[in-house]
Amino acid sequence: MIFVHHFLSRPSYNIKMKKIVRITWIDAQRIETSLWDEKEVEKIEPIECDIVGFLIYENKDKIIIAQERWEESKQIKYITIIPKCSIIKIKRLR
């Protein structure tokens, strides 16, 4: 929360101007149920997923989005940092 608070307290932050985006990306899988044979696990692939949120920050290595925001207090919640190398596509919704 320290990073988020510091980022949001900067004067250049304007929550009304944030873009809303849908990002399609390749995510890791973590399987915690039952026991698996090692040969079975070789067949498991990373999974394609979508996430929708407010575009908070983007550079050449990563994109940061938040799924909830409060305009009055200029706070955000449910923050996701996605490595650019995992992104398949970004669609601007607003």
C-alpha atoms as a PDB file:
ATOM      1  CA  MET A   1       0.000   0.000   0.000  1.00  0.00           C
ATOM      2  CA  ILE A   2       2.922   2.382   0.513  1.00  0.00           C
ATOM      3  CA  PHE A   3       3.709   2.374  -3.222  1.00  0.00           C
ATOM      4  CA  VAL A   4       0.078   2.927  -4.157  1.00  0.00           C
ATOM      5  CA  HIS A   5      -0.353   5.771  -1.656  1.00  0.00           C
ATOM      6  CA  HIS A   6       2.849   7.464  -2.822  1.00  0.00           C
ATOM      7  CA  PHE A   7       1.893   7.074  -6.499  1.00  0.00           C
ATOM      8  CA  LEU A   8      -1.598   8.464  -5.993  1.00  0.00           C
ATOM      9  CA  SER A   9      -0.442  11.438  -3.960  1.00  0.00           C
ATOM     10  CA  ARG A  10       1.578  12.823  -6.878  1.00  0.00           C
ATOM     11  CA  PRO A  11       0.008  16.014  -8.302  1.00  0.00           C
ATOM     12  CA  SER A  12      -0.030  14.714 -11.902  1.00  0.00           C
ATOM     13  CA  TYR A  13      -2.453  11.904 -11.055  1.00  0.00           C
ATOM     14  CA  ASN A  14      -5.934  12.558 -12.462  1.00  0.00           C
ATOM     15  CA  ILE A  15      -8.313   9.650 -11.896  1.00  0.00           C
ATOM     16  CA  LYS A  16     -10.984  11.077 -14.228  1.00  0.00           C
ATOM     17  CA  MET A  17      -8.601  10.811 -17.189  1.00  0.00           C
ATOM     18  CA  LYS A  18      -7.662   7.142 -16.729  1.00  0.00           C
ATOM     19  CA  LYS A  19      -8.252   4.853 -19.694  1.00  0.00           C
ATOM     20  CA  ILE A  20     -10.239   1.662 -19.243  1.00  0.00           C
ATOM     21  CA  VAL A  21      -8.614  -1.283 -21.000  1.00  0.00           C
ATOM     22  CA  ARG A  22      -9.131  -4.986 -21.609  1.00  0.00           C
ATOM     23  CA  ILE A  23      -5.879  -6.931 -21.596  1.00  0.00           C
ATOM     24  CA  THR A  24      -5.546 -10.454 -22.973  1.00  0.00           C
ATOM     25  CA  TRP A  25      -2.472 -12.156 -21.604  1.00  0.00           C
ATOM     26  CA  ILE A  26      -0.870 -15.502 -20.846  1.00  0.00           C
ATOM     27  CA  ASP A  27      -1.020 -16.316 -17.144  1.00  0.00           C
ATOM     28  CA  ALA A  28       0.749 -18.993 -15.125  1.00  0.00           C
ATOM     29  CA  GLN A  29      -1.211 -21.878 -13.643  1.00  0.00           C
ATOM     30  CA  ARG A  30      -0.827 -23.202 -10.127  1.00  0.00           C
ATOM     31  CA  ILE A  31      -2.399 -26.556  -9.420  1.00  0.00           C
ATOM     32  CA  GLU A  32      -2.783 -27.504  -5.770  1.00  0.00           C
ATOM     33  CA  THR A  33      -5.357 -30.289  -5.933  1.00  0.00           C
ATOM     34  CA  SER A  34      -4.459 -33.960  -5.537  1.00  0.00           C
ATOM     35  CA  LEU A  35      -1.299 -35.738  -6.676  1.00  0.00           C
ATOM     36  CA  TRP A  36      -0.149 -35.680 -10.292  1.00  0.00           C
ATOM     37  CA  ASP A  37       2.084 -37.971 -12.281  1.00  0.00           C
ATOM     38  CA  GLU A  38       5.090 -36.085 -13.681  1.00  0.00           C
ATOM     39  CA  LYS A  39       4.199 -37.093 -17.261  1.00  0.00           C
ATOM     40  CA  GLU A  40       0.669 -35.677 -16.857  1.00  0.00           C
ATOM     41  CA  VAL A  41       2.032 -32.306 -15.760  1.00  0.00           C
ATOM     42  CA  GLU A  42       4.028 -31.939 -18.996  1.00  0.00           C
ATOM     43  CA  LYS A  43       0.707 -31.549 -20.864  1.00  0.00           C
ATOM     44  CA  ILE A  44      -0.419 -28.519 -18.824  1.00  0.00           C
ATOM     45  CA  GLU A  45      -0.015 -25.176 -20.587  1.00  0.00           C
ATOM     46  CA  PRO A  46      -0.141 -21.568 -19.365  1.00  0.00           C
ATOM     47  CA  ILE A  47      -3.658 -20.186 -19.716  1.00  0.00           C
ATOM     48  CA  GLU A  48      -4.938 -17.217 -21.732  1.00  0.00           C
ATOM     49  CA  CYS A  49      -7.016 -14.813 -19.674  1.00  0.00           C
ATOM     50  CA  ASP A  50      -8.613 -11.370 -19.849  1.00  0.00           C
ATOM     51  CA  ILE A  51      -8.676  -8.608 -17.294  1.00  0.00           C
ATOM     52  CA  VAL A  52     -10.471  -5.255 -17.453  1.00  0.00           C
ATOM     53  CA  GLY A  53      -9.412  -2.216 -15.469  1.00  0.00           C
ATOM     54  CA  PHE A  54      -8.172   1.330 -15.274  1.00  0.00           C
ATOM     55  CA  LEU A  55      -4.769   1.855 -16.889  1.00  0.00           C
ATOM     56  CA  ILE A  56      -2.600   3.273 -14.091  1.00  0.00           C
ATOM     57  CA  TYR A  57       0.920   2.995 -15.511  1.00  0.00           C
ATOM     58  CA  GLU A  58       2.698   1.566 -18.538  1.00  0.00           C
ATOM     59  CA  ASN A  59       6.322   1.321 -19.654  1.00  0.00           C
ATOM     60  CA  LYS A  60       8.324  -0.984 -21.955  1.00  0.00           C
ATOM     61  CA  ASP A  61       8.404  -3.807 -19.373  1.00  0.00           C
ATOM     62  CA  LYS A  62       5.030  -3.765 -17.610  1.00  0.00           C
ATOM     63  CA  ILE A  63       1.493  -2.463 -17.466  1.00  0.00           C
ATOM     64  CA  ILE A  64      -0.356  -1.726 -14.231  1.00  0.00           C
ATOM     65  CA  ILE A  65      -4.135  -1.689 -13.973  1.00  0.00           C
ATOM     66  CA  ALA A  66      -6.596  -1.328 -11.106  1.00  0.00           C
ATOM     67  CA  GLN A  67     -10.062  -2.839 -11.099  1.00  0.00           C
ATOM     68  CA  GLU A  68     -11.662  -0.443  -8.613  1.00  0.00           C
ATOM     69  CA  ARG A  69     -11.268   3.281  -8.039  1.00  0.00           C
ATOM     70  CA  TRP A  70     -12.697   6.004  -5.836  1.00  0.00           C
ATOM     71  CA  GLU A  71     -12.728   9.345  -7.594  1.00  0.00           C
ATOM     72  CA  GLU A  72     -13.204  11.526  -4.521  1.00  0.00           C
ATOM     73  CA  SER A  73     -10.334  10.054  -2.481  1.00  0.00           C
ATOM     74  CA  LYS A  74      -8.213   9.198  -5.555  1.00  0.00           C
ATOM     75  CA  GLN A  75      -7.555   5.661  -4.321  1.00  0.00           C
ATOM     76  CA  ILE A  76      -7.443   2.380  -6.223  1.00  0.00           C
ATOM     77  CA  LYS A  77      -7.810  -1.297  -5.329  1.00  0.00           C
ATOM     78  CA  TYR A  78      -7.200  -4.733  -6.893  1.00  0.00           C
ATOM     79  CA  ILE A  79      -3.975  -3.761  -8.642  1.00  0.00           C
ATOM     80  CA  THR A  80      -2.481  -6.108 -11.244  1.00  0.00           C
ATOM     81  CA  ILE A  81       1.025  -5.782 -12.689  1.00  0.00           C
ATOM     82  CA  ILE A  82       1.404  -7.657 -15.986  1.00  0.00           C
ATOM     83  CA  PRO A  83       4.766  -8.211 -17.705  1.00  0.00           C
ATOM     84  CA  LYS A  84       4.628  -6.886 -21.288  1.00  0.00           C
ATOM     85  CA  CYS A  85       6.148 -10.152 -22.587  1.00  0.00           C
ATOM     86  CA  SER A  86       2.949 -11.958 -21.430  1.00  0.00           C
ATOM     87  CA  ILE A  87       0.483  -9.625 -23.174  1.00  0.00           C
ATOM     88  CA  ILE A  88      -1.264 -10.802 -26.340  1.00  0.00           C
ATOM     89  CA  LYS A  89      -3.398  -7.693 -26.908  1.00  0.00           C
ATOM     90  CA  ILE A  90      -4.629  -4.497 -25.278  1.00  0.00           C
ATOM     91  CA  LYS A  91      -8.000  -3.023 -26.250  1.00  0.00           C
ATOM     92  CA  ARG A  92      -9.018   0.418 -25.067  1.00  0.00           C
ATOM     93  CA  LEU A  93     -12.632   0.417 -23.880  1.00  0.00           C
ATOM     94  CA  ARG A  94     -12.774   4.083 -22.846  1.00  0.00           C
END
